[in-house]
Amino acid sequence: MQIISDRNSYGEVNPKMKLIDFTNCRRIWGKAYNRANGKNFLMSGQSEDCNEALIQIVPKIRIEAIQNFLEEVPYLSDLQRNFYLTYIQARLEKLLLPAYKHAVNQKDNMDLSSKEPI
């Protein structure tokens, strides 16, 4: 299996990568590589399993606990701690929470449409 990286053929990291763009991944089907954007996938609501996972996991995320954990890692510099906390908070706010709200709304709409009218 070939390892796929975010670097170009010259070994340079793509400078256009933004914080949320780190959700880009590659899926392997045979020998074809298809680029999948994690944010687009999560927001599409295509996967019931993914929606259920969002509904179960996102409410359990505790930023304070993550911050406390990062504070206790002895080999991280203050700059690294700040980076990781900022990165995780941004992922939660810009990716996971919107996808969670979308999954909850989608589930509520499916529940309402499956009920028979009174």
PDB file of N, CA and C in Angstrom:
ATOM      1  N   MET A   1       0.843  -1.176   0.000  1.00  0.00           N
ATOM      2  CA  MET A   1       0.000   0.000   0.000  1.00  0.00           C
ATOM      3  C   MET A   1       0.888   1.239   0.000  1.00  0.00           C
ATOM      4  N   GLN A   2       0.579   2.175  -0.837  1.00  0.00           N
ATOM      5  CA  GLN A   2       1.358   3.391  -0.964  1.00  0.00           C
ATOM      6  C   GLN A   2       0.960   4.391   0.112  1.00  0.00           C
ATOM      7  N   ILE A   3       1.948   5.031   0.698  1.00  0.00           N
ATOM      8  CA  ILE A   3       1.672   6.074   1.678  1.00  0.00           C
ATOM      9  C   ILE A   3       1.462   7.378   0.929  1.00  0.00           C
ATOM     10  N   ILE A   4       0.420   8.082   1.290  1.00  0.00           N
ATOM     11  CA  ILE A   4       0.078   9.334   0.624  1.00  0.00           C
ATOM     12  C   ILE A   4       0.337  10.467   1.599  1.00  0.00           C
ATOM     13  N   SER A   5       1.004  11.515   1.139  1.00  0.00           N
ATOM     14  CA  SER A   5       1.278  12.633   2.032  1.00  0.00           C
ATOM     15  C   SER A   5       0.673  13.916   1.491  1.00  0.00           C
ATOM     16  N   ASP A   6       0.729  14.947   2.315  1.00  0.00           N
ATOM     17  CA  ASP A   6       0.236  16.262   1.914  1.00  0.00           C
ATOM     18  C   ASP A   6       1.318  17.071   1.211  1.00  0.00           C
ATOM     19  N   ARG A   7       2.409  16.435   0.861  1.00  0.00           N
ATOM     20  CA  ARG A   7       3.514  17.134   0.206  1.00  0.00           C
ATOM     21  C   ARG A   7       3.447  16.897  -1.296  1.00  0.00           C
ATOM     22  N   ASN A   8       3.953  17.856  -2.037  1.00  0.00           N
ATOM     23  CA  ASN A   8       3.988  17.686  -3.487  1.00  0.00           C
ATOM     24  C   ASN A   8       5.173  16.816  -3.878  1.00  0.00           C
ATOM     25  N   SER A   9       5.399  16.649  -5.170  1.00  0.00           N
ATOM     26  CA  SER A   9       6.462  15.755  -5.630  1.00  0.00           C
ATOM     27  C   SER A   9       7.852  16.259  -5.260  1.00  0.00           C
ATOM     28  N   TYR A  10       7.969  17.531  -4.879  1.00  0.00           N
ATOM     29  CA  TYR A  10       9.254  18.090  -4.457  1.00  0.00           C
ATOM     30  C   TYR A  10       9.435  18.035  -2.944  1.00  0.00           C
ATOM     31  N   GLY A  11       8.462  17.470  -2.245  1.00  0.00           N
ATOM     32  CA  GLY A  11       8.547  17.354  -0.795  1.00  0.00           C
ATOM     33  C   GLY A  11       8.114  18.601  -0.049  1.00  0.00           C
ATOM     34  N   GLU A  12       7.517  19.563  -0.774  1.00  0.00           N
ATOM     35  CA  GLU A  12       7.078  20.800  -0.143  1.00  0.00           C
ATOM     36  C   GLU A  12       5.640  20.653   0.348  1.00  0.00           C
ATOM     37  N   VAL A  13       5.376  21.214   1.524  1.00  0.00           N
ATOM     38  CA  VAL A  13       4.009  21.210   2.046  1.00  0.00           C
ATOM     39  C   VAL A  13       3.208  22.252   1.283  1.00  0.00           C
ATOM     40  N   ASN A  14       1.972  21.921   0.949  1.00  0.00           N
ATOM     41  CA  ASN A  14       1.102  22.839   0.228  1.00  0.00           C
ATOM     42  C   ASN A  14       0.863  24.087   1.081  1.00  0.00           C
ATOM     43  N   PRO A  15       1.316  25.271   0.626  1.00  0.00           N
ATOM     44  CA  PRO A  15       1.175  26.483   1.443  1.00  0.00           C
ATOM     45  C   PRO A  15      -0.255  26.981   1.554  1.00  0.00           C
ATOM     46  N   LYS A  16      -1.152  26.477   0.738  1.00  0.00           N
ATOM     47  CA  LYS A  16      -2.537  26.934   0.770  1.00  0.00           C
ATOM     48  C   LYS A  16      -3.359  26.219   1.828  1.00  0.00           C
ATOM     49  N   MET A  17      -2.743  25.249   2.504  1.00  0.00           N
ATOM     50  CA  MET A  17      -3.477  24.505   3.521  1.00  0.00           C
ATOM     51  C   MET A  17      -3.883  25.459   4.636  1.00  0.00           C
ATOM     52  N   LYS A  18      -5.133  25.420   5.017  1.00  0.00           N
ATOM     53  CA  LYS A  18      -5.634  26.236   6.115  1.00  0.00           C
ATOM     54  C   LYS A  18      -6.014  25.292   7.244  1.00  0.00           C
ATOM     55  N   LEU A  19      -6.353  25.848   8.374  1.00  0.00           N
ATOM     56  CA  LEU A  19      -6.656  25.027   9.544  1.00  0.00           C
ATOM     57  C   LEU A  19      -7.719  23.985   9.254  1.00  0.00           C
ATOM     58  N   ILE A  20      -8.807  24.377   8.667  1.00  0.00           N
ATOM     59  CA  ILE A  20      -9.889  23.436   8.408  1.00  0.00           C
ATOM     60  C   ILE A  20      -9.535  22.509   7.260  1.00  0.00           C
ATOM     61  N   ASP A  21      -8.692  22.950   6.354  1.00  0.00           N
ATOM     62  CA  ASP A  21      -8.317  22.108   5.227  1.00  0.00           C
ATOM     63  C   ASP A  21      -7.518  20.885   5.655  1.00  0.00           C
ATOM     64  N   PHE A  22      -7.045  20.859   6.911  1.00  0.00           N
ATOM     65  CA  PHE A  22      -6.340  19.680   7.375  1.00  0.00           C
ATOM     66  C   PHE A  22      -7.273  18.478   7.477  1.00  0.00           C
ATOM     67  N   THR A  23      -8.570  18.720   7.306  1.00  0.00           N
ATOM     68  CA  THR A  23      -9.511  17.609   7.326  1.00  0.00           C
ATOM     69  C   THR A  23      -9.521  16.867   6.000  1.00  0.00           C
ATOM     70  N   ASN A  24      -8.773  17.371   5.021  1.00  0.00           N
ATOM     71  CA  ASN A  24      -8.693  16.654   3.753  1.00  0.00           C
ATOM     72  C   ASN A  24      -8.022  15.311   3.974  1.00  0.00           C
ATOM     73  N   CYS A  25      -8.510  14.327   3.317  1.00  0.00           N
ATOM     74  CA  CYS A  25      -7.927  13.007   3.433  1.00  0.00           C
ATOM     75  C   CYS A  25      -8.003  12.343   2.069  1.00  0.00           C
ATOM     76  N   ARG A  26      -7.391  11.220   1.974  1.00  0.00           N
ATOM     77  CA  ARG A  26      -7.462  10.474   0.727  1.00  0.00           C
ATOM     78  C   ARG A  26      -8.005   9.089   1.044  1.00  0.00           C
ATOM     79  N   ARG A  27      -8.933   8.657   0.194  1.00  0.00           N
ATOM     80  CA  ARG A  27      -9.481   7.315   0.328  1.00  0.00           C
ATOM     81  C   ARG A  27      -8.939   6.476  -0.812  1.00  0.00           C
ATOM     82  N   ILE A  28      -8.707   5.239  -0.539  1.00  0.00           N
ATOM     83  CA  ILE A  28      -8.141   4.356  -1.555  1.00  0.00           C
ATOM     84  C   ILE A  28      -9.195   3.357  -1.993  1.00  0.00           C
ATOM     85  N   TRP A  29      -9.494   3.346  -3.274  1.00  0.00           N
ATOM     86  CA  TRP A  29     -10.369   2.363  -3.881  1.00  0.00           C
ATOM     87  C   TRP A  29      -9.587   1.768  -5.028  1.00  0.00           C
ATOM     88  N   GLY A  30      -9.082   0.565  -4.823  1.00  0.00           N
ATOM     89  CA  GLY A  30      -8.230  -0.017  -5.848  1.00  0.00           C
ATOM     90  C   GLY A  30      -6.983   0.827  -5.971  1.00  0.00           C
ATOM     91  N   LYS A  31      -6.689   1.270  -7.171  1.00  0.00           N
ATOM     92  CA  LYS A  31      -5.510   2.104  -7.373  1.00  0.00           C
ATOM     93  C   LYS A  31      -5.874   3.568  -7.569  1.00  0.00           C
ATOM     94  N   ALA A  32      -7.159   3.865  -7.539  1.00  0.00           N
ATOM     95  CA  ALA A  32      -7.591   5.250  -7.732  1.00  0.00           C
ATOM     96  C   ALA A  32      -7.633   5.957  -6.383  1.00  0.00           C
ATOM     97  N   TYR A  33      -7.155   7.176  -6.356  1.00  0.00           N
ATOM     98  CA  TYR A  33      -7.169   7.970  -5.136  1.00  0.00           C
ATOM     99  C   TYR A  33      -8.190   9.081  -5.309  1.00  0.00           C
ATOM    100  N   ASN A  34      -9.129   9.141  -4.426  1.00  0.00           N
ATOM    101  CA  ASN A  34     -10.177  10.151  -4.491  1.00  0.00           C
ATOM    102  C   ASN A  34     -10.050  11.069  -3.286  1.00  0.00           C
ATOM    103  N   ARG A  35      -9.971  12.343  -3.541  1.00  0.00           N
ATOM    104  CA  ARG A  35      -9.837  13.315  -2.457  1.00  0.00           C
ATOM    105  C   ARG A  35     -11.207  13.526  -1.802  1.00  0.00           C
ATOM    106  N   ALA A  36     -11.226  13.458  -0.502  1.00  0.00           N
ATOM    107  CA  ALA A  36     -12.468  13.669   0.249  1.00  0.00           C
ATOM    108  C   ALA A  36     -12.208  14.759   1.275  1.00  0.00           C
ATOM    109  N   ASN A  37     -13.038  15.779   1.319  1.00  0.00           N
ATOM    110  CA  ASN A  37     -12.916  16.838   2.303  1.00  0.00           C
ATOM    111  C   ASN A  37     -13.755  16.457   3.512  1.00  0.00           C
ATOM    112  N   GLY A  38     -13.103  16.355   4.656  1.00  0.00           N
ATOM    113  CA  GLY A  38     -13.792  15.913   5.864  1.00  0.00           C
ATOM    114  C   GLY A  38     -14.953  16.800   6.256  1.00  0.00           C
ATOM    115  N   LYS A  39     -14.785  18.118   6.131  1.00  0.00           N
ATOM    116  CA  LYS A  39     -15.873  19.036   6.494  1.00  0.00           C
ATOM    117  C   LYS A  39     -17.067  18.826   5.572  1.00  0.00           C
ATOM    118  N   ASN A  40     -16.814  18.735   4.280  1.00  0.00           N
ATOM    119  CA  ASN A  40     -17.912  18.515   3.333  1.00  0.00           C
ATOM    120  C   ASN A  40     -18.611  17.193   3.606  1.00  0.00           C
ATOM    121  N   PHE A  41     -17.829  16.162   3.925  1.00  0.00           N
ATOM    122  CA  PHE A  41     -18.409  14.852   4.210  1.00  0.00           C
ATOM    123  C   PHE A  41     -19.278  14.911   5.462  1.00  0.00           C
ATOM    124  N   LEU A  42     -18.751  15.521   6.531  1.00  0.00           N
ATOM    125  CA  LEU A  42     -19.518  15.602   7.776  1.00  0.00           C
ATOM    126  C   LEU A  42     -20.793  16.413   7.598  1.00  0.00           C
ATOM    127  N   MET A  43     -20.706  17.513   6.856  1.00  0.00           N
ATOM    128  CA  MET A  43     -21.867  18.387   6.673  1.00  0.00           C
ATOM    129  C   MET A  43     -22.878  17.824   5.681  1.00  0.00           C
ATOM    130  N   SER A  44     -22.459  16.860   4.870  1.00  0.00           N
ATOM    131  CA  SER A  44     -23.380  16.301   3.875  1.00  0.00           C
ATOM    132  C   SER A  44     -24.439  15.411   4.509  1.00  0.00           C
ATOM    133  N   GLY A  45     -24.130  14.822   5.659  1.00  0.00           N
ATOM    134  CA  GLY A  45     -25.080  13.938   6.314  1.00  0.00           C
ATOM    135  C   GLY A  45     -25.308  12.635   5.566  1.00  0.00           C
ATOM    136  N   GLN A  46     -24.386  12.267   4.681  1.00  0.00           N
ATOM    137  CA  GLN A  46     -24.543  11.067   3.858  1.00  0.00           C
ATOM    138  C   GLN A  46     -24.460   9.777   4.659  1.00  0.00           C
ATOM    139  N   SER A  47     -23.711   9.798   5.731  1.00  0.00           N
ATOM    140  CA  SER A  47     -23.477   8.575   6.487  1.00  0.00           C
ATOM    141  C   SER A  47     -24.241   8.605   7.810  1.00  0.00           C
ATOM    142  N   GLU A  48     -25.205   7.706   7.943  1.00  0.00           N
ATOM    143  CA  GLU A  48     -25.955   7.625   9.200  1.00  0.00           C
ATOM    144  C   GLU A  48     -25.043   7.253  10.356  1.00  0.00           C
ATOM    145  N   ASP A  49     -24.074   6.373  10.095  1.00  0.00           N
ATOM    146  CA  ASP A  49     -23.130   5.978  11.144  1.00  0.00           C
ATOM    147  C   ASP A  49     -22.317   7.180  11.622  1.00  0.00           C
ATOM    148  N   CYS A  50     -21.874   7.993  10.686  1.00  0.00           N
ATOM    149  CA  CYS A  50     -21.106   9.189  11.026  1.00  0.00           C
ATOM    150  C   CYS A  50     -21.972  10.173  11.812  1.00  0.00           C
ATOM    151  N   ASN A  51     -23.203  10.356  11.381  1.00  0.00           N
ATOM    152  CA  ASN A  51     -24.122  11.249  12.096  1.00  0.00           C
ATOM    153  C   ASN A  51     -24.346  10.771  13.527  1.00  0.00           C
ATOM    154  N   GLU A  52     -24.559   9.481  13.695  1.00  0.00           N
ATOM    155  CA  GLU A  52     -24.762   8.927  15.038  1.00  0.00           C
ATOM    156  C   GLU A  52     -23.516   9.111  15.895  1.00  0.00           C
ATOM    157  N   ALA A  53     -22.344   8.922  15.298  1.00  0.00           N
ATOM    158  CA  ALA A  53     -21.095   9.121  16.039  1.00  0.00           C
ATOM    159  C   ALA A  53     -20.964  10.576  16.490  1.00  0.00           C
ATOM    160  N   LEU A  54     -21.286  11.509  15.600  1.00  0.00           N
ATOM    161  CA  LEU A  54     -21.247  12.929  15.970  1.00  0.00           C
ATOM    162  C   LEU A  54     -22.185  13.214  17.132  1.00  0.00           C
ATOM    163  N   ILE A  55     -23.394  12.683  17.058  1.00  0.00           N
ATOM    164  CA  ILE A  55     -24.402  12.924  18.093  1.00  0.00           C
ATOM    165  C   ILE A  55     -23.960  12.342  19.437  1.00  0.00           C
ATOM    166  N   GLN A  56     -23.265  11.219  19.404  1.00  0.00           N
ATOM    167  CA  GLN A  56     -22.813  10.588  20.646  1.00  0.00           C
ATOM    168  C   GLN A  56     -21.545  11.226  21.205  1.00  0.00           C
ATOM    169  N   ILE A  57     -20.605  11.607  20.331  1.00  0.00           N
ATOM    170  CA  ILE A  57     -19.274  12.007  20.786  1.00  0.00           C
ATOM    171  C   ILE A  57     -19.136  13.504  21.069  1.00  0.00           C
ATOM    172  N   VAL A  58     -19.661  14.350  20.201  1.00  0.00           N
ATOM    173  CA  VAL A  58     -19.420  15.795  20.331  1.00  0.00           C
ATOM    174  C   VAL A  58     -19.856  16.350  21.688  1.00  0.00           C
ATOM    175  N   PRO A  59     -21.020  15.968  22.230  1.00  0.00           N
ATOM    176  CA  PRO A  59     -21.395  16.510  23.546  1.00  0.00           C
ATOM    177  C   PRO A  59     -20.444  16.095  24.673  1.00  0.00           C
ATOM    178  N   LYS A  60     -19.651  15.075  24.454  1.00  0.00           N
ATOM    179  CA  LYS A  60     -18.729  14.597  25.490  1.00  0.00           C
ATOM    180  C   LYS A  60     -17.375  15.294  25.452  1.00  0.00           C
ATOM    181  N   ILE A  61     -17.136  16.120  24.444  1.00  0.00           N
ATOM    182  CA  ILE A  61     -15.845  16.804  24.321  1.00  0.00           C
ATOM    183  C   ILE A  61     -15.779  17.906  25.371  1.00  0.00           C
ATOM    184  N   ARG A  62     -14.742  17.867  26.177  1.00  0.00           N
ATOM    185  CA  ARG A  62     -14.544  18.846  27.249  1.00  0.00           C
ATOM    186  C   ARG A  62     -13.223  19.580  27.008  1.00  0.00           C
ATOM    187  N   ILE A  63     -13.325  20.801  26.519  1.00  0.00           N
ATOM    188  CA  ILE A  63     -12.131  21.598  26.231  1.00  0.00           C
ATOM    189  C   ILE A  63     -11.295  21.806  27.496  1.00  0.00           C
ATOM    190  N   GLU A  64     -11.955  22.008  28.636  1.00  0.00           N
ATOM    191  CA  GLU A  64     -11.219  22.220  29.885  1.00  0.00           C
ATOM    192  C   GLU A  64     -10.349  21.012  30.214  1.00  0.00           C
ATOM    193  N   ALA A  65     -10.879  19.813  30.014  1.00  0.00           N
ATOM    194  CA  ALA A  65     -10.111  18.598  30.285  1.00  0.00           C
ATOM    195  C   ALA A  65      -8.937  18.472  29.319  1.00  0.00           C
ATOM    196  N   ILE A  66      -9.164  18.839  28.076  1.00  0.00           N
ATOM    197  CA  ILE A  66      -8.082  18.797  27.088  1.00  0.00           C
ATOM    198  C   ILE A  66      -7.010  19.812  27.462  1.00  0.00           C
ATOM    199  N   GLN A  67      -7.434  21.006  27.872  1.00  0.00           N
ATOM    200  CA  GLN A  67      -6.480  22.035  28.283  1.00  0.00           C
ATOM    201  C   GLN A  67      -5.671  21.564  29.492  1.00  0.00           C
ATOM    202  N   ASN A  68      -6.339  20.971  30.470  1.00  0.00           N
ATOM    203  CA  ASN A  68      -5.634  20.446  31.645  1.00  0.00           C
ATOM    204  C   ASN A  68      -4.637  19.372  31.253  1.00  0.00           C
ATOM    205  N   PHE A  69      -5.033  18.505  30.339  1.00  0.00           N
ATOM    206  CA  PHE A  69      -4.126  17.463  29.865  1.00  0.00           C
ATOM    207  C   PHE A  69      -2.891  18.085  29.219  1.00  0.00           C
ATOM    208  N   LEU A  70      -3.112  19.062  28.341  1.00  0.00           N
ATOM    209  CA  LEU A  70      -1.987  19.705  27.658  1.00  0.00           C
ATOM    210  C   LEU A  70      -1.060  20.411  28.649  1.00  0.00           C
ATOM    211  N   GLU A  71      -1.633  20.993  29.702  1.00  0.00           N
ATOM    212  CA  GLU A  71      -0.816  21.673  30.715  1.00  0.00           C
ATOM    213  C   GLU A  71       0.102  20.692  31.441  1.00  0.00           C
ATOM    214  N   GLU A  72      -0.315  19.435  31.529  1.00  0.00           N
ATOM    215  CA  GLU A  72       0.459  18.445  32.274  1.00  0.00           C
ATOM    216  C   GLU A  72       1.494  17.715  31.425  1.00  0.00           C
ATOM    217  N   VAL A  73       1.505  17.927  30.121  1.00  0.00           N
ATOM    218  CA  VAL A  73       2.503  17.270  29.271  1.00  0.00           C
ATOM    219  C   VAL A  73       3.818  18.022  29.455  1.00  0.00           C
ATOM    220  N   PRO A  74       4.822  17.374  30.056  1.00  0.00           N
ATOM    221  CA  PRO A  74       6.033  18.097  30.457  1.00  0.00           C
ATOM    222  C   PRO A  74       6.919  18.577  29.305  1.00  0.00           C
ATOM    223  N   TYR A  75       6.905  17.922  28.204  1.00  0.00           N
ATOM    224  CA  TYR A  75       7.855  18.263  27.144  1.00  0.00           C
ATOM    225  C   TYR A  75       7.306  19.249  26.118  1.00  0.00           C
ATOM    226  N   LEU A  76       6.091  19.748  26.293  1.00  0.00           N
ATOM    227  CA  LEU A  76       5.540  20.744  25.374  1.00  0.00           C
ATOM    228  C   LEU A  76       5.940  22.149  25.819  1.00  0.00           C
ATOM    229  N   SER A  77       6.320  22.963  24.859  1.00  0.00           N
ATOM    230  CA  SER A  77       6.587  24.372  25.165  1.00  0.00           C
ATOM    231  C   SER A  77       5.251  25.104  25.264  1.00  0.00           C
ATOM    232  N   ASP A  78       5.285  26.324  25.794  1.00  0.00           N
ATOM    233  CA  ASP A  78       4.060  27.124  25.863  1.00  0.00           C
ATOM    234  C   ASP A  78       3.504  27.376  24.469  1.00  0.00           C
ATOM    235  N   LEU A  79       4.384  27.585  23.515  1.00  0.00           N
ATOM    236  CA  LEU A  79       3.960  27.803  22.132  1.00  0.00           C
ATOM    237  C   LEU A  79       3.236  26.571  21.591  1.00  0.00           C
ATOM    238  N   GLN A  80       3.778  25.391  21.858  1.00  0.00           N
ATOM    239  CA  GLN A  80       3.143  24.152  21.401  1.00  0.00           C
ATOM    240  C   GLN A  80       1.794  23.940  22.086  1.00  0.00           C
ATOM    241  N   ARG A  81       1.748  24.170  23.386  1.00  0.00           N
ATOM    242  CA  ARG A  81       0.478  24.024  24.110  1.00  0.00           C
ATOM    243  C   ARG A  81      -0.581  24.953  23.530  1.00  0.00           C
ATOM    244  N   ASN A  82      -0.200  26.191  23.307  1.00  0.00           N
ATOM    245  CA  ASN A  82      -1.127  27.170  22.748  1.00  0.00           C
ATOM    246  C   ASN A  82      -1.580  26.750  21.353  1.00  0.00           C
ATOM    247  N   PHE A  83      -0.652  26.256  20.541  1.00  0.00           N
ATOM    248  CA  PHE A  83      -1.002  25.799  19.195  1.00  0.00           C
ATOM    249  C   PHE A  83      -2.017  24.666  19.259  1.00  0.00           C
ATOM    250  N   TYR A  84      -1.734  23.640  20.061  1.00  0.00           N
ATOM    251  CA  TYR A  84      -2.636  22.487  20.127  1.00  0.00           C
ATOM    252  C   TYR A  84      -4.016  22.883  20.646  1.00  0.00           C
ATOM    253  N   LEU A  85      -4.055  23.713  21.670  1.00  0.00           N
ATOM    254  CA  LEU A  85      -5.347  24.125  22.208  1.00  0.00           C
ATOM    255  C   LEU A  85      -6.120  24.956  21.185  1.00  0.00           C
ATOM    256  N   THR A  86      -5.439  25.880  20.525  1.00  0.00           N
ATOM    257  CA  THR A  86      -6.089  26.698  19.496  1.00  0.00           C
ATOM    258  C   THR A  86      -6.596  25.831  18.359  1.00  0.00           C
ATOM    259  N   TYR A  87      -5.781  24.883  17.946  1.00  0.00           N
ATOM    260  CA  TYR A  87      -6.139  23.978  16.851  1.00  0.00           C
ATOM    261  C   TYR A  87      -7.365  23.140  17.216  1.00  0.00           C
ATOM    262  N   ILE A  88      -7.369  22.589  18.412  1.00  0.00           N
ATOM    263  CA  ILE A  88      -8.481  21.739  18.848  1.00  0.00           C
ATOM    264  C   ILE A  88      -9.756  22.565  19.012  1.00  0.00           C
ATOM    265  N   GLN A  89      -9.638  23.762  19.593  1.00  0.00           N
ATOM    266  CA  GLN A  89     -10.816  24.621  19.744  1.00  0.00           C
ATOM    267  C   GLN A  89     -11.390  25.013  18.384  1.00  0.00           C
ATOM    268  N   ALA A  90     -10.511  25.341  17.448  1.00  0.00           N
ATOM    269  CA  ALA A  90     -10.979  25.715  16.106  1.00  0.00           C
ATOM    270  C   ALA A  90     -11.656  24.542  15.431  1.00  0.00           C
ATOM    271  N   ARG A  91     -11.093  23.357  15.569  1.00  0.00           N
ATOM    272  CA  ARG A  91     -11.714  22.165  14.986  1.00  0.00           C
ATOM    273  C   ARG A  91     -13.093  21.930  15.571  1.00  0.00           C
ATOM    274  N   LEU A  92     -13.212  22.109  16.880  1.00  0.00           N
ATOM    275  CA  LEU A  92     -14.505  21.924  17.539  1.00  0.00           C
ATOM    276  C   LEU A  92     -15.511  22.966  17.046  1.00  0.00           C
ATOM    277  N   GLU A  93     -15.105  24.236  17.047  1.00  0.00           N
ATOM    278  CA  GLU A  93     -16.028  25.319  16.692  1.00  0.00           C
ATOM    279  C   GLU A  93     -16.361  25.366  15.207  1.00  0.00           C
ATOM    280  N   LYS A  94     -15.382  25.125  14.352  1.00  0.00           N
ATOM    281  CA  LYS A  94     -15.576  25.307  12.906  1.00  0.00           C
ATOM    282  C   LYS A  94     -15.978  24.034  12.174  1.00  0.00           C
ATOM    283  N   LEU A  95     -15.730  22.888  12.779  1.00  0.00           N
ATOM    284  CA  LEU A  95     -16.005  21.631  12.088  1.00  0.00           C
ATOM    285  C   LEU A  95     -17.000  20.757  12.846  1.00  0.00           C
ATOM    286  N   LEU A  96     -16.655  20.386  14.063  1.00  0.00           N
ATOM    287  CA  LEU A  96     -17.469  19.409  14.780  1.00  0.00           C
ATOM    288  C   LEU A  96     -18.821  19.958  15.238  1.00  0.00           C
ATOM    289  N   LEU A  97     -18.851  21.158  15.806  1.00  0.00           N
ATOM    290  CA  LEU A  97     -20.140  21.698  16.271  1.00  0.00           C
ATOM    291  C   LEU A  97     -21.123  21.947  15.129  1.00  0.00           C
ATOM    292  N   PRO A  98     -20.699  22.570  14.016  1.00  0.00           N
ATOM    293  CA  PRO A  98     -21.650  22.712  12.903  1.00  0.00           C
ATOM    294  C   PRO A  98     -22.123  21.360  12.360  1.00  0.00           C
ATOM    295  N   ALA A  99     -21.220  20.392  12.262  1.00  0.00           N
ATOM    296  CA  ALA A  99     -21.607  19.067  11.772  1.00  0.00           C
ATOM    297  C   ALA A  99     -22.545  18.387  12.764  1.00  0.00           C
ATOM    298  N   TYR A 100     -22.282  18.564  14.057  1.00  0.00           N
ATOM    299  CA  TYR A 100     -23.149  18.011  15.100  1.00  0.00           C
ATOM    300  C   TYR A 100     -24.558  18.596  14.997  1.00  0.00           C
ATOM    301  N   LYS A 101     -24.650  19.928  14.887  1.00  0.00           N
ATOM    302  CA  LYS A 101     -25.961  20.583  14.779  1.00  0.00           C
ATOM    303  C   LYS A 101     -26.700  20.114  13.530  1.00  0.00           C
ATOM    304  N   HIS A 102     -25.965  19.960  12.447  1.00  0.00           N
ATOM    305  CA  HIS A 102     -26.569  19.480  11.202  1.00  0.00           C
ATOM    306  C   HIS A 102     -27.097  18.052  11.381  1.00  0.00           C
ATOM    307  N   ALA A 103     -26.313  17.198  12.042  1.00  0.00           N
ATOM    308  CA  ALA A 103     -26.731  15.807  12.257  1.00  0.00           C
ATOM    309  C   ALA A 103     -27.965  15.741  13.154  1.00  0.00           C
ATOM    310  N   VAL A 104     -28.000  16.572  14.199  1.00  0.00           N
ATOM    311  CA  VAL A 104     -29.161  16.597  15.097  1.00  0.00           C
ATOM    312  C   VAL A 104     -30.396  17.067  14.342  1.00  0.00           C
ATOM    313  N   ASN A 105     -30.262  18.141  13.552  1.00  0.00           N
ATOM    314  CA  ASN A 105     -31.398  18.642  12.764  1.00  0.00           C
ATOM    315  C   ASN A 105     -31.876  17.605  11.762  1.00  0.00           C
ATOM    316  N   GLN A 106     -30.932  16.934  11.127  1.00  0.00           N
ATOM    317  CA  GLN A 106     -31.291  15.909  10.149  1.00  0.00           C
ATOM    318  C   GLN A 106     -32.034  14.758  10.832  1.00  0.00           C
ATOM    319  N   LYS A 107     -31.561  14.370  12.012  1.00  0.00           N
ATOM    320  CA  LYS A 107     -32.222  13.284  12.747  1.00  0.00           C
ATOM    321  C   LYS A 107     -33.620  13.712  13.188  1.00  0.00           C
ATOM    322  N   ASP A 108     -33.749  14.949  13.674  1.00  0.00           N
ATOM    323  CA  ASP A 108     -35.067  15.453  14.083  1.00  0.00           C
ATOM    324  C   ASP A 108     -36.028  15.479  12.905  1.00  0.00           C
ATOM    325  N   ASN A 109     -35.556  15.915  11.750  1.00  0.00           N
ATOM    326  CA  ASN A 109     -36.404  15.951  10.552  1.00  0.00           C
ATOM    327  C   ASN A 109     -36.818  14.551  10.124  1.00  0.00           C
ATOM    328  N   MET A 110     -35.895  13.582  10.230  1.00  0.00           N
ATOM    329  CA  MET A 110     -36.235  12.199   9.870  1.00  0.00           C
ATOM    330  C   MET A 110     -37.239  11.632  10.857  1.00  0.00           C
ATOM    331  N   ASP A 111     -37.066  11.955  12.143  1.00  0.00           N
ATOM    332  CA  ASP A 111     -38.003  11.466  13.155  1.00  0.00           C
ATOM    333  C   ASP A 111     -39.394  12.036  12.923  1.00  0.00           C
ATOM    334  N   LEU A 112     -39.463  13.317  12.579  1.00  0.00           N
ATOM    335  CA  LEU A 112     -40.764  13.944  12.322  1.00  0.00           C
ATOM    336  C   LEU A 112     -41.424  13.376  11.078  1.00  0.00           C
ATOM    337  N   SER A 113     -40.641  13.129  10.036  1.00  0.00           N
ATOM    338  CA  SER A 113     -41.229  12.629   8.791  1.00  0.00           C
ATOM    339  C   SER A 113     -41.644  11.168   8.897  1.00  0.00           C
ATOM    340  N   SER A 114     -41.059  10.434   9.844  1.00  0.00           N
ATOM    341  CA  SER A 114     -41.423   9.023   9.978  1.00  0.00           C
ATOM    342  C   SER A 114     -42.681   8.824  10.825  1.00  0.00           C
ATOM    343  N   LYS A 115     -43.089   9.859  11.550  1.00  0.00           N
ATOM    344  CA  LYS A 115     -44.294   9.756  12.376  1.00  0.00           C
ATOM    345  C   LYS A 115     -45.525   9.972  11.511  1.00  0.00           C
ATOM    346  N   GLU A 116     -46.557   9.216  11.841  1.00  0.00           N
ATOM    347  CA  GLU A 116     -47.813   9.366  11.096  1.00  0.00           C
ATOM    348  C   GLU A 116     -48.559  10.591  11.596  1.00  0.00           C
ATOM    349  N   PRO A 117     -49.232  11.286  10.697  1.00  0.00           N
ATOM    350  CA  PRO A 117     -50.006  12.454  11.135  1.00  0.00           C
ATOM    351  C   PRO A 117     -51.143  12.033  12.055  1.00  0.00           C
ATOM    352  N   ILE A 118     -51.476  12.909  12.970  1.00  0.00           N
ATOM    353  CA  ILE A 118     -52.547  12.617  13.942  1.00  0.00           C
ATOM    354  C   ILE A 118     -53.898  12.895  13.330  1.00  0.00           C
TER     355      ILE A 118
END
